[in-house]
PDB file of N, CA and C in Angstrom:
ATOM      1  N   MET A   1       0.837  -1.179   0.000  1.00  0.00           N
ATOM      2  CA  MET A   1       0.000   0.000   0.000  1.00  0.00           C
ATOM      3  C   MET A   1       0.888   1.251   0.000  1.00  0.00           C
ATOM      4  N   VAL A   2       0.594   2.159  -0.868  1.00  0.00           N
ATOM      5  CA  VAL A   2       1.319   3.431  -0.920  1.00  0.00           C
ATOM      6  C   VAL A   2       0.566   4.420  -0.035  1.00  0.00           C
ATOM      7  N   PRO A   3       1.242   4.965   0.992  1.00  0.00           N
ATOM      8  CA  PRO A   3       0.556   5.901   1.880  1.00  0.00           C
ATOM      9  C   PRO A   3       0.200   7.200   1.159  1.00  0.00           C
ATOM     10  N   SER A   4      -0.942   7.764   1.512  1.00  0.00           N
ATOM     11  CA  SER A   4      -1.371   9.024   0.901  1.00  0.00           C
ATOM     12  C   SER A   4      -0.959  10.224   1.743  1.00  0.00           C
ATOM     13  N   SER A   5      -0.420   9.965   2.951  1.00  0.00           N
ATOM     14  CA  SER A   5      -0.016  11.058   3.832  1.00  0.00           C
ATOM     15  C   SER A   5       1.079  10.570   4.785  1.00  0.00           C
ATOM     16  N   PRO A   6       1.826  11.500   5.385  1.00  0.00           N
ATOM     17  CA  PRO A   6       2.817  11.119   6.390  1.00  0.00           C
ATOM     18  C   PRO A   6       2.186  10.404   7.581  1.00  0.00           C
ATOM     19  N   GLN A   7       0.982  10.823   7.987  1.00  0.00           N
ATOM     20  CA  GLN A   7       0.325  10.186   9.127  1.00  0.00           C
ATOM     21  C   GLN A   7      -0.007   8.734   8.808  1.00  0.00           C
ATOM     22  N   GLN A   8      -0.498   8.481   7.605  1.00  0.00           N
ATOM     23  CA  GLN A   8      -0.811   7.112   7.208  1.00  0.00           C
ATOM     24  C   GLN A   8       0.466   6.271   7.164  1.00  0.00           C
ATOM     25  N   ALA A   9       1.558   6.844   6.682  1.00  0.00           N
ATOM     26  CA  ALA A   9       2.841   6.136   6.648  1.00  0.00           C
ATOM     27  C   ALA A   9       3.299   5.811   8.066  1.00  0.00           C
ATOM     28  N   GLN A  10       3.221   6.794   8.969  1.00  0.00           N
ATOM     29  CA  GLN A  10       3.621   6.587  10.357  1.00  0.00           C
ATOM     30  C   GLN A  10       2.761   5.527  11.022  1.00  0.00           C
ATOM     31  N   ASP A  11       1.453   5.599  10.824  1.00  0.00           N
ATOM     32  CA  ASP A  11       0.548   4.630  11.442  1.00  0.00           C
ATOM     33  C   ASP A  11       0.833   3.211  10.951  1.00  0.00           C
ATOM     34  N   THR A  12       1.177   3.065   9.677  1.00  0.00           N
ATOM     35  CA  THR A  12       1.496   1.749   9.120  1.00  0.00           C
ATOM     36  C   THR A  12       2.769   1.193   9.745  1.00  0.00           C
ATOM     37  N   VAL A  13       3.818   2.012   9.826  1.00  0.00           N
ATOM     38  CA  VAL A  13       5.077   1.577  10.452  1.00  0.00           C
ATOM     39  C   VAL A  13       4.828   1.243  11.917  1.00  0.00           C
ATOM     40  N   LEU A  14       4.084   2.082  12.608  1.00  0.00           N
ATOM     41  CA  LEU A  14       3.747   1.854  14.015  1.00  0.00           C
ATOM     42  C   LEU A  14       3.038   0.507  14.193  1.00  0.00           C
ATOM     43  N   GLY A  15       2.108   0.211  13.317  1.00  0.00           N
ATOM     44  CA  GLY A  15       1.385  -1.059  13.391  1.00  0.00           C
ATOM     45  C   GLY A  15       2.305  -2.255  13.211  1.00  0.00           C
ATOM     46  N   TYR A  16       3.214  -2.187  12.248  1.00  0.00           N
ATOM     47  CA  TYR A  16       4.147  -3.291  12.028  1.00  0.00           C
ATOM     48  C   TYR A  16       5.122  -3.454  13.194  1.00  0.00           C
ATOM     49  N   LEU A  17       5.585  -2.345  13.747  1.00  0.00           N
ATOM     50  CA  LEU A  17       6.505  -2.433  14.889  1.00  0.00           C
ATOM     51  C   LEU A  17       5.802  -3.054  16.096  1.00  0.00           C
ATOM     52  N   LYS A  18       4.547  -2.654  16.360  1.00  0.00           N
ATOM     53  CA  LYS A  18       3.798  -3.232  17.481  1.00  0.00           C
ATOM     54  C   LYS A  18       3.541  -4.723  17.253  1.00  0.00           C
ATOM     55  N   LYS A  19       3.257  -5.099  16.018  1.00  0.00           N
ATOM     56  CA  LYS A  19       3.048  -6.515  15.686  1.00  0.00           C
ATOM     57  C   LYS A  19       4.324  -7.305  15.963  1.00  0.00           C
ATOM     58  N   THR A  20       5.464  -6.739  15.623  1.00  0.00           N
ATOM     59  CA  THR A  20       6.749  -7.386  15.889  1.00  0.00           C
ATOM     60  C   THR A  20       6.982  -7.518  17.383  1.00  0.00           C
ATOM     61  N   LEU A  21       6.698  -6.447  18.140  1.00  0.00           N
ATOM     62  CA  LEU A  21       6.884  -6.491  19.591  1.00  0.00           C
ATOM     63  C   LEU A  21       5.984  -7.534  20.247  1.00  0.00           C
ATOM     64  N   ARG A  22       4.777  -7.708  19.723  1.00  0.00           N
ATOM     65  CA  ARG A  22       3.865  -8.717  20.276  1.00  0.00           C
ATOM     66  C   ARG A  22       4.392 -10.137  20.064  1.00  0.00           C
ATOM     67  N   ALA A  23       5.232 -10.331  19.051  1.00  0.00           N
ATOM     68  CA  ALA A  23       5.796 -11.651  18.779  1.00  0.00           C
ATOM     69  C   ALA A  23       7.012 -11.951  19.659  1.00  0.00           C
ATOM     70  N   LEU A  24       7.529 -10.945  20.340  1.00  0.00           N
ATOM     71  CA  LEU A  24       8.687 -11.099  21.228  1.00  0.00           C
ATOM     72  C   LEU A  24       8.207 -11.326  22.654  1.00  0.00           C
ATOM     73  N   PRO A  25       9.097 -11.680  23.570  1.00  0.00           N
ATOM     74  CA  PRO A  25       8.674 -11.877  24.961  1.00  0.00           C
ATOM     75  C   PRO A  25       7.889 -10.679  25.499  1.00  0.00           C
ATOM     76  N   SER A  26       6.837 -10.948  26.247  1.00  0.00           N
ATOM     77  CA  SER A  26       5.994  -9.906  26.816  1.00  0.00           C
ATOM     78  C   SER A  26       6.835  -8.898  27.595  1.00  0.00           C
ATOM     79  N   GLY A  27       6.597  -7.632  27.349  1.00  0.00           N
ATOM     80  CA  GLY A  27       7.337  -6.578  28.038  1.00  0.00           C
ATOM     81  C   GLY A  27       8.501  -6.015  27.237  1.00  0.00           C
ATOM     82  N   THR A  28       8.816  -6.614  26.084  1.00  0.00           N
ATOM     83  CA  THR A  28       9.881  -6.082  25.228  1.00  0.00           C
ATOM     84  C   THR A  28       9.425  -4.743  24.668  1.00  0.00           C
ATOM     85  N   THR A  29      10.304  -3.747  24.655  1.00  0.00           N
ATOM     86  CA  THR A  29       9.980  -2.424  24.125  1.00  0.00           C
ATOM     87  C   THR A  29      10.993  -2.020  23.060  1.00  0.00           C
ATOM     88  N   LEU A  30      10.614  -1.033  22.279  1.00  0.00           N
ATOM     89  CA  LEU A  30      11.507  -0.418  21.301  1.00  0.00           C
ATOM     90  C   LEU A  30      11.794   0.984  21.813  1.00  0.00           C
ATOM     91  N   ASP A  31      13.044   1.251  22.159  1.00  0.00           N
ATOM     92  CA  ASP A  31      13.439   2.517  22.783  1.00  0.00           C
ATOM     93  C   ASP A  31      14.228   3.356  21.789  1.00  0.00           C
ATOM     94  N   ALA A  32      13.615   4.436  21.318  1.00  0.00           N
ATOM     95  CA  ALA A  32      14.260   5.317  20.344  1.00  0.00           C
ATOM     96  C   ALA A  32      14.827   6.578  20.988  1.00  0.00           C
ATOM     97  N   THR A  33      15.048   6.541  22.303  1.00  0.00           N
ATOM     98  CA  THR A  33      15.523   7.722  23.027  1.00  0.00           C
ATOM     99  C   THR A  33      16.770   8.315  22.390  1.00  0.00           C
ATOM    100  N   ARG A  34      17.745   7.508  22.102  1.00  0.00           N
ATOM    101  CA  ARG A  34      18.988   8.072  21.546  1.00  0.00           C
ATOM    102  C   ARG A  34      18.915   8.328  20.056  1.00  0.00           C
ATOM    103  N   TYR A  35      17.790   7.966  19.439  1.00  0.00           N
ATOM    104  CA  TYR A  35      17.601   8.212  18.011  1.00  0.00           C
ATOM    105  C   TYR A  35      16.555   9.284  17.741  1.00  0.00           C
ATOM    106  N   SER A  36      15.956   9.839  18.737  1.00  0.00           N
ATOM    107  CA  SER A  36      14.963  10.923  18.685  1.00  0.00           C
ATOM    108  C   SER A  36      13.621  10.526  18.079  1.00  0.00           C
ATOM    109  N   GLY A  37      13.234   9.276  18.187  1.00  0.00           N
ATOM    110  CA  GLY A  37      11.916   8.865  17.697  1.00  0.00           C
ATOM    111  C   GLY A  37      11.877   8.723  16.191  1.00  0.00           C
ATOM    112  N   GLY A  38      10.760   9.059  15.574  1.00  0.00           N
ATOM    113  CA  GLY A  38      10.592   8.917  14.136  1.00  0.00           C
ATOM    114  C   GLY A  38      10.718  10.240  13.423  1.00  0.00           C
ATOM    115  N   THR A  39      10.960  10.154  12.116  1.00  0.00           N
ATOM    116  CA  THR A  39      11.125  11.367  11.330  1.00  0.00           C
ATOM    117  C   THR A  39      10.642  11.155   9.903  1.00  0.00           C
ATOM    118  N   ASN A  40      10.234  12.226   9.268  1.00  0.00           N
ATOM    119  CA  ASN A  40       9.910  12.208   7.850  1.00  0.00           C
ATOM    120  C   ASN A  40      11.129  12.715   7.101  1.00  0.00           C
ATOM    121  N   THR A  41      11.480  12.051   6.036  1.00  0.00           N
ATOM    122  CA  THR A  41      12.627  12.490   5.246  1.00  0.00           C
ATOM    123  C   THR A  41      12.245  12.546   3.777  1.00  0.00           C
ATOM    124  N   ALA A  42      12.825  13.483   3.074  1.00  0.00           N
ATOM    125  CA  ALA A  42      12.602  13.586   1.630  1.00  0.00           C
ATOM    126  C   ALA A  42      13.517  12.604   0.921  1.00  0.00           C
ATOM    127  N   SER A  43      12.983  11.983  -0.099  1.00  0.00           N
ATOM    128  CA  SER A  43      13.765  11.058  -0.904  1.00  0.00           C
ATOM    129  C   SER A  43      14.801  11.834  -1.708  1.00  0.00           C
ATOM    130  N   ARG A  44      15.861  11.187  -2.077  1.00  0.00           N
ATOM    131  CA  ARG A  44      16.882  11.853  -2.896  1.00  0.00           C
ATOM    132  C   ARG A  44      16.525  11.791  -4.373  1.00  0.00           C
ATOM    133  N   GLN A  45      15.479  11.067  -4.677  1.00  0.00           N
ATOM    134  CA  GLN A  45      15.052  10.969  -6.066  1.00  0.00           C
ATOM    135  C   GLN A  45      14.133  12.133  -6.379  1.00  0.00           C
ATOM    136  N   ASP A  46      14.499  12.923  -7.353  1.00  0.00           N
ATOM    137  CA  ASP A  46      13.661  14.044  -7.747  1.00  0.00           C
ATOM    138  C   ASP A  46      12.579  13.528  -8.687  1.00  0.00           C
ATOM    139  N   VAL A  47      11.522  14.270  -8.804  1.00  0.00           N
ATOM    140  CA  VAL A  47      10.420  13.912  -9.679  1.00  0.00           C
ATOM    141  C   VAL A  47      10.140  15.073 -10.615  1.00  0.00           C
ATOM    142  N   GLU A  48       9.257  14.861 -11.551  1.00  0.00           N
ATOM    143  CA  GLU A  48       8.954  15.891 -12.545  1.00  0.00           C
ATOM    144  C   GLU A  48       8.452  17.189 -11.934  1.00  0.00           C
ATOM    145  N   THR A  49       7.783  17.118 -10.803  1.00  0.00           N
ATOM    146  CA  THR A  49       7.238  18.328 -10.175  1.00  0.00           C
ATOM    147  C   THR A  49       8.309  19.124  -9.443  1.00  0.00           C
ATOM    148  N   GLY A  50       9.458  18.531  -9.211  1.00  0.00           N
ATOM    149  CA  GLY A  50      10.513  19.197  -8.465  1.00  0.00           C
ATOM    150  C   GLY A  50      10.401  18.968  -6.970  1.00  0.00           C
ATOM    151  N   THR A  51       9.331  18.332  -6.508  1.00  0.00           N
ATOM    152  CA  THR A  51       9.154  18.025  -5.096  1.00  0.00           C
ATOM    153  C   THR A  51       9.381  16.532  -4.902  1.00  0.00           C
ATOM    154  N   PRO A  52      10.491  16.158  -4.274  1.00  0.00           N
ATOM    155  CA  PRO A  52      10.746  14.725  -4.093  1.00  0.00           C
ATOM    156  C   PRO A  52       9.769  14.122  -3.089  1.00  0.00           C
ATOM    157  N   PRO A  53       9.445  12.840  -3.256  1.00  0.00           N
ATOM    158  CA  PRO A  53       8.561  12.191  -2.295  1.00  0.00           C
ATOM    159  C   PRO A  53       9.249  12.050  -0.941  1.00  0.00           C
ATOM    160  N   GLY A  54       8.469  11.772   0.095  1.00  0.00           N
ATOM    161  CA  GLY A  54       9.018  11.587   1.435  1.00  0.00           C
ATOM    162  C   GLY A  54       8.708  10.195   1.942  1.00  0.00           C
ATOM    163  N   ASN A  55       9.344   9.825   3.054  1.00  0.00           N
ATOM    164  CA  ASN A  55       8.983   8.589   3.739  1.00  0.00           C
ATOM    165  C   ASN A  55       9.166   8.779   5.229  1.00  0.00           C
ATOM    166  N   PHE A  56       8.581   7.880   5.999  1.00  0.00           N
ATOM    167  CA  PHE A  56       8.694   7.922   7.451  1.00  0.00           C
ATOM    168  C   PHE A  56       9.677   6.836   7.864  1.00  0.00           C
ATOM    169  N   THR A  57      10.579   7.160   8.775  1.00  0.00           N
ATOM    170  CA  THR A  57      11.548   6.178   9.250  1.00  0.00           C
ATOM    171  C   THR A  57      11.762   6.320  10.753  1.00  0.00           C
ATOM    172  N   THR A  58      12.009   5.210  11.393  1.00  0.00           N
ATOM    173  CA  THR A  58      12.335   5.204  12.819  1.00  0.00           C
ATOM    174  C   THR A  58      13.251   4.028  13.111  1.00  0.00           C
ATOM    175  N   ILE A  59      14.031   4.159  14.156  1.00  0.00           N
ATOM    176  CA  ILE A  59      14.901   3.085  14.624  1.00  0.00           C
ATOM    177  C   ILE A  59      14.975   3.182  16.142  1.00  0.00           C
ATOM    178  N   GLY A  60      15.111   2.052  16.783  1.00  0.00           N
ATOM    179  CA  GLY A  60      15.231   2.049  18.238  1.00  0.00           C
ATOM    180  C   GLY A  60      15.905   0.781  18.722  1.00  0.00           C
ATOM    181  N   GLU A  61      16.330   0.806  19.965  1.00  0.00           N
ATOM    182  CA  GLU A  61      16.955  -0.353  20.597  1.00  0.00           C
ATOM    183  C   GLU A  61      15.881  -1.244  21.191  1.00  0.00           C
ATOM    184  N   LEU A  62      16.009  -2.538  20.972  1.00  0.00           N
ATOM    185  CA  LEU A  62      15.089  -3.489  21.588  1.00  0.00           C
ATOM    186  C   LEU A  62      15.507  -3.681  23.039  1.00  0.00           C
ATOM    187  N   ARG A  63      14.591  -3.425  23.946  1.00  0.00           N
ATOM    188  CA  ARG A  63      14.838  -3.600  25.380  1.00  0.00           C
ATOM    189  C   ARG A  63      14.032  -4.806  25.842  1.00  0.00           C
ATOM    190  N   ARG A  64      14.723  -5.798  26.330  1.00  0.00           N
ATOM    191  CA  ARG A  64      14.039  -7.016  26.791  1.00  0.00           C
ATOM    192  C   ARG A  64      13.615  -6.861  28.242  1.00  0.00           C
ATOM    193  N   PRO A  65      12.581  -7.578  28.636  1.00  0.00           N
ATOM    194  CA  PRO A  65      12.150  -7.510  30.031  1.00  0.00           C
ATOM    195  C   PRO A  65      13.185  -8.153  30.950  1.00  0.00           C
ATOM    196  N   ALA A  66      13.222  -7.720  32.192  1.00  0.00           N
ATOM    197  CA  ALA A  66      14.161  -8.269  33.173  1.00  0.00           C
ATOM    198  C   ALA A  66      14.001  -9.784  33.253  1.00  0.00           C
ATOM    199  N   GLY A  67      15.120 -10.472  33.332  1.00  0.00           N
ATOM    200  CA  GLY A  67      15.111 -11.924  33.471  1.00  0.00           C
ATOM    201  C   GLY A  67      15.013 -12.680  32.157  1.00  0.00           C
ATOM    202  N   THR A  68      14.977 -11.965  31.032  1.00  0.00           N
ATOM    203  CA  THR A  68      14.893 -12.620  29.729  1.00  0.00           C
ATOM    204  C   THR A  68      16.287 -12.720  29.129  1.00  0.00           C
ATOM    205  N   SER A  69      16.621 -13.874  28.624  1.00  0.00           N
ATOM    206  CA  SER A  69      17.916 -14.078  27.983  1.00  0.00           C
ATOM    207  C   SER A  69      18.038 -13.180  26.754  1.00  0.00           C
ATOM    208  N   PRO A  70      19.198 -12.544  26.568  1.00  0.00           N
ATOM    209  CA  PRO A  70      19.375 -11.691  25.388  1.00  0.00           C
ATOM    210  C   PRO A  70      19.205 -12.467  24.079  1.00  0.00           C
ATOM    211  N   ASP A  71      19.526 -13.762  24.100  1.00  0.00           N
ATOM    212  CA  ASP A  71      19.418 -14.558  22.880  1.00  0.00           C
ATOM    213  C   ASP A  71      17.971 -14.761  22.451  1.00  0.00           C
ATOM    214  N   ILE A  72      17.034 -14.647  23.387  1.00  0.00           N
ATOM    215  CA  ILE A  72      15.622 -14.850  23.054  1.00  0.00           C
ATOM    216  C   ILE A  72      15.103 -13.690  22.218  1.00  0.00           C
ATOM    217  N   VAL A  73      15.553 -12.489  22.487  1.00  0.00           N
ATOM    218  CA  VAL A  73      15.045 -11.324  21.767  1.00  0.00           C
ATOM    219  C   VAL A  73      15.688 -11.222  20.395  1.00  0.00           C
ATOM    220  N   MET A  74      16.980 -10.999  20.350  1.00  0.00           N
ATOM    221  CA  MET A  74      17.656 -10.851  19.072  1.00  0.00           C
ATOM    222  C   MET A  74      19.147 -10.687  19.337  1.00  0.00           C
ATOM    223  N   ALA A  75      19.937 -11.249  18.484  1.00  0.00           N
ATOM    224  CA  ALA A  75      21.377 -11.074  18.609  1.00  0.00           C
ATOM    225  C   ALA A  75      21.756  -9.665  18.180  1.00  0.00           C
ATOM    226  N   ALA A  76      22.653  -9.048  18.909  1.00  0.00           N
ATOM    227  CA  ALA A  76      23.132  -7.716  18.556  1.00  0.00           C
ATOM    228  C   ALA A  76      23.917  -7.808  17.248  1.00  0.00           C
ATOM    229  N   PRO A  77      23.879  -6.756  16.438  1.00  0.00           N
ATOM    230  CA  PRO A  77      24.565  -6.786  15.153  1.00  0.00           C
ATOM    231  C   PRO A  77      26.090  -6.884  15.283  1.00  0.00           C
ATOM    232  N   GLN A  78      26.611  -6.406  16.391  1.00  0.00           N
ATOM    233  CA  GLN A  78      28.045  -6.411  16.615  1.00  0.00           C
ATOM    234  C   GLN A  78      28.277  -6.401  18.122  1.00  0.00           C
ATOM    235  N   LEU A  79      29.282  -7.089  18.571  1.00  0.00           N
ATOM    236  CA  LEU A  79      29.571  -7.159  19.999  1.00  0.00           C
ATOM    237  C   LEU A  79      29.658  -5.750  20.586  1.00  0.00           C
ATOM    238  N   GLY A  80      28.948  -5.518  21.678  1.00  0.00           N
ATOM    239  CA  GLY A  80      28.959  -4.212  22.332  1.00  0.00           C
ATOM    240  C   GLY A  80      27.865  -3.275  21.858  1.00  0.00           C
ATOM    241  N   TYR A  81      27.116  -3.662  20.835  1.00  0.00           N
ATOM    242  CA  TYR A  81      26.026  -2.836  20.323  1.00  0.00           C
ATOM    243  C   TYR A  81      24.691  -3.475  20.686  1.00  0.00           C
ATOM    244  N   PRO A  82      23.688  -2.655  20.995  1.00  0.00           N
ATOM    245  CA  PRO A  82      22.380  -3.233  21.336  1.00  0.00           C
ATOM    246  C   PRO A  82      21.654  -3.720  20.084  1.00  0.00           C
ATOM    247  N   ALA A  83      20.766  -4.688  20.293  1.00  0.00           N
ATOM    248  CA  ALA A  83      19.892  -5.116  19.193  1.00  0.00           C
ATOM    249  C   ALA A  83      18.956  -3.958  18.872  1.00  0.00           C
ATOM    250  N   SER A  84      18.660  -3.759  17.605  1.00  0.00           N
ATOM    251  CA  SER A  84      17.788  -2.650  17.211  1.00  0.00           C
ATOM    252  C   SER A  84      16.769  -3.122  16.182  1.00  0.00           C
ATOM    253  N   LEU A  85      15.787  -2.281  15.970  1.00  0.00           N
ATOM    254  CA  LEU A  85      14.732  -2.563  15.014  1.00  0.00           C
ATOM    255  C   LEU A  85      14.420  -1.259  14.297  1.00  0.00           C
ATOM    256  N   GLN A  86      14.301  -1.328  12.972  1.00  0.00           N
ATOM    257  CA  GLN A  86      14.047  -0.137  12.169  1.00  0.00           C
ATOM    258  C   GLN A  86      12.793  -0.341  11.338  1.00  0.00           C
ATOM    259  N   GLY A  87      12.054   0.732  11.116  1.00  0.00           N
ATOM    260  CA  GLY A  87      10.885   0.707  10.254  1.00  0.00           C
ATOM    261  C   GLY A  87      10.953   1.856   9.267  1.00  0.00           C
ATOM    262  N   ILE A  88      10.681   1.556   7.989  1.00  0.00           N
ATOM    263  CA  ILE A  88      10.706   2.576   6.929  1.00  0.00           C
ATOM    264  C   ILE A  88       9.453   2.396   6.076  1.00  0.00           C
ATOM    265  N   SER A  89       8.748   3.481   5.839  1.00  0.00           N
ATOM    266  CA  SER A  89       7.520   3.410   5.044  1.00  0.00           C
ATOM    267  C   SER A  89       7.825   3.550   3.557  1.00  0.00           C
ATOM    268  N   PRO A  90       6.850   3.159   2.716  1.00  0.00           N
ATOM    269  CA  PRO A  90       6.935   3.531   1.303  1.00  0.00           C
ATOM    270  C   PRO A  90       6.807   5.050   1.180  1.00  0.00           C
ATOM    271  N   CYS A  91       7.104   5.574   0.036  1.00  0.00           N
ATOM    272  CA  CYS A  91       7.055   7.026  -0.182  1.00  0.00           C
ATOM    273  C   CYS A  91       5.628   7.555  -0.206  1.00  0.00           C
ATOM    274  N   PHE A  92       5.498   8.829   0.186  1.00  0.00           N
ATOM    275  CA  PHE A  92       4.232   9.557   0.133  1.00  0.00           C
ATOM    276  C   PHE A  92       4.513  10.926  -0.486  1.00  0.00           C
ATOM    277  N   PRO A  93       3.499  11.693  -0.847  1.00  0.00           N
ATOM    278  CA  PRO A  93       3.723  12.993  -1.484  1.00  0.00           C
ATOM    279  C   PRO A  93       4.624  13.901  -0.635  1.00  0.00           C
ATOM    280  N   GLY A  94       5.670  14.431  -1.246  1.00  0.00           N
ATOM    281  CA  GLY A  94       6.676  15.223  -0.545  1.00  0.00           C
ATOM    282  C   GLY A  94       6.207  16.566  -0.049  1.00  0.00           C
ATOM    283  N   ASN A  95       5.124  17.082  -0.594  1.00  0.00           N
ATOM    284  CA  ASN A  95       4.645  18.388  -0.135  1.00  0.00           C
ATOM    285  C   ASN A  95       3.923  18.292   1.207  1.00  0.00           C
ATOM    286  N   LEU A  96       3.851  17.076   1.795  1.00  0.00           N
ATOM    287  CA  LEU A  96       3.151  16.869   3.060  1.00  0.00           C
ATOM    288  C   LEU A  96       4.095  16.432   4.189  1.00  0.00           C
ATOM    289  N   LEU A  97       5.377  16.678   4.081  1.00  0.00           N
ATOM    290  CA  LEU A  97       6.364  16.123   5.005  1.00  0.00           C
ATOM    291  C   LEU A  97       6.063  16.324   6.479  1.00  0.00           C
ATOM    292  N   ASN A  98       5.511  17.449   6.879  1.00  0.00           N
ATOM    293  CA  ASN A  98       5.333  17.736   8.308  1.00  0.00           C
ATOM    294  C   ASN A  98       3.921  17.503   8.819  1.00  0.00           C
ATOM    295  N   ASP A  99       3.117  16.779   8.076  1.00  0.00           N
ATOM    296  CA  ASP A  99       1.718  16.586   8.424  1.00  0.00           C
ATOM    297  C   ASP A  99       1.501  15.253   9.153  1.00  0.00           C
ATOM    298  N   ARG A 100       1.958  15.173  10.419  1.00  0.00           N
ATOM    299  CA  ARG A 100       1.759  13.954  11.206  1.00  0.00           C
ATOM    300  C   ARG A 100       1.871  14.281  12.688  1.00  0.00           C
ATOM    301  N   SER A 101       1.403  13.355  13.529  1.00  0.00           N
ATOM    302  CA  SER A 101       1.471  13.528  14.975  1.00  0.00           C
ATOM    303  C   SER A 101       2.831  13.047  15.488  1.00  0.00           C
ATOM    304  N   PRO A 102       3.210  13.417  16.717  1.00  0.00           N
ATOM    305  CA  PRO A 102       4.476  12.970  17.275  1.00  0.00           C
ATOM    306  C   PRO A 102       4.536  11.444  17.384  1.00  0.00           C
ATOM    307  N   PHE A 103       5.709  10.895  17.211  1.00  0.00           N
ATOM    308  CA  PHE A 103       5.916   9.439  17.311  1.00  0.00           C
ATOM    309  C   PHE A 103       6.434   9.120  18.696  1.00  0.00           C
ATOM    310  N   PRO A 104       5.943   8.031  19.323  1.00  0.00           N
ATOM    311  CA  PRO A 104       6.407   7.702  20.678  1.00  0.00           C
ATOM    312  C   PRO A 104       7.896   7.371  20.708  1.00  0.00           C
ATOM    313  N   VAL A 105       8.583   7.837  21.739  1.00  0.00           N
ATOM    314  CA  VAL A 105      10.016   7.569  21.875  1.00  0.00           C
ATOM    315  C   VAL A 105      10.226   6.131  22.374  1.00  0.00           C
ATOM    316  N   VAL A 106       9.369   5.666  23.276  1.00  0.00           N
ATOM    317  CA  VAL A 106       9.419   4.278  23.731  1.00  0.00           C
ATOM    318  C   VAL A 106       8.110   3.620  23.311  1.00  0.00           C
ATOM    319  N   LEU A 107       8.231   2.568  22.530  1.00  0.00           N
ATOM    320  CA  LEU A 107       7.066   1.888  21.976  1.00  0.00           C
ATOM    321  C   LEU A 107       6.861   0.542  22.654  1.00  0.00           C
ATOM    322  N   LYS A 108       5.613   0.289  23.064  1.00  0.00           N
ATOM    323  CA  LYS A 108       5.229  -0.988  23.661  1.00  0.00           C
ATOM    324  C   LYS A 108       4.311  -1.723  22.701  1.00  0.00           C
ATOM    325  N   ALA A 109       4.140  -3.009  22.904  1.00  0.00           N
ATOM    326  CA  ALA A 109       3.323  -3.821  22.016  1.00  0.00           C
ATOM    327  C   ALA A 109       1.843  -3.450  22.054  1.00  0.00           C
ATOM    328  N   ASP A 110       1.359  -2.906  23.180  1.00  0.00           N
ATOM    329  CA  ASP A 110      -0.070  -2.600  23.276  1.00  0.00           C
ATOM    330  C   ASP A 110      -0.385  -1.160  23.002  1.00  0.00           C
TER     331      ASP A 110
END
């Protein structure tokens, strides 16, 4: 589905991230504190109108509940780095980049 607005793109990414969190041990969260939550970005591909399309993107660290083995959640990409999860939407009209609500910094499955 191609989003018609930044809000629709954000809501779609939010839904997929929550679905992923529900599949992990109960209490697992996605913490984007050090990444500043989600953002809309303009694509580098220009279009005939001169306004490049945008997309919504977010990344955060997976925080497992106390007492859960780190191997159950996800292996870190590199020793010393936390496991993370990223979501990126399909493109939406670029003239609407700032038309969305704030994205939660810490995301829970519910």
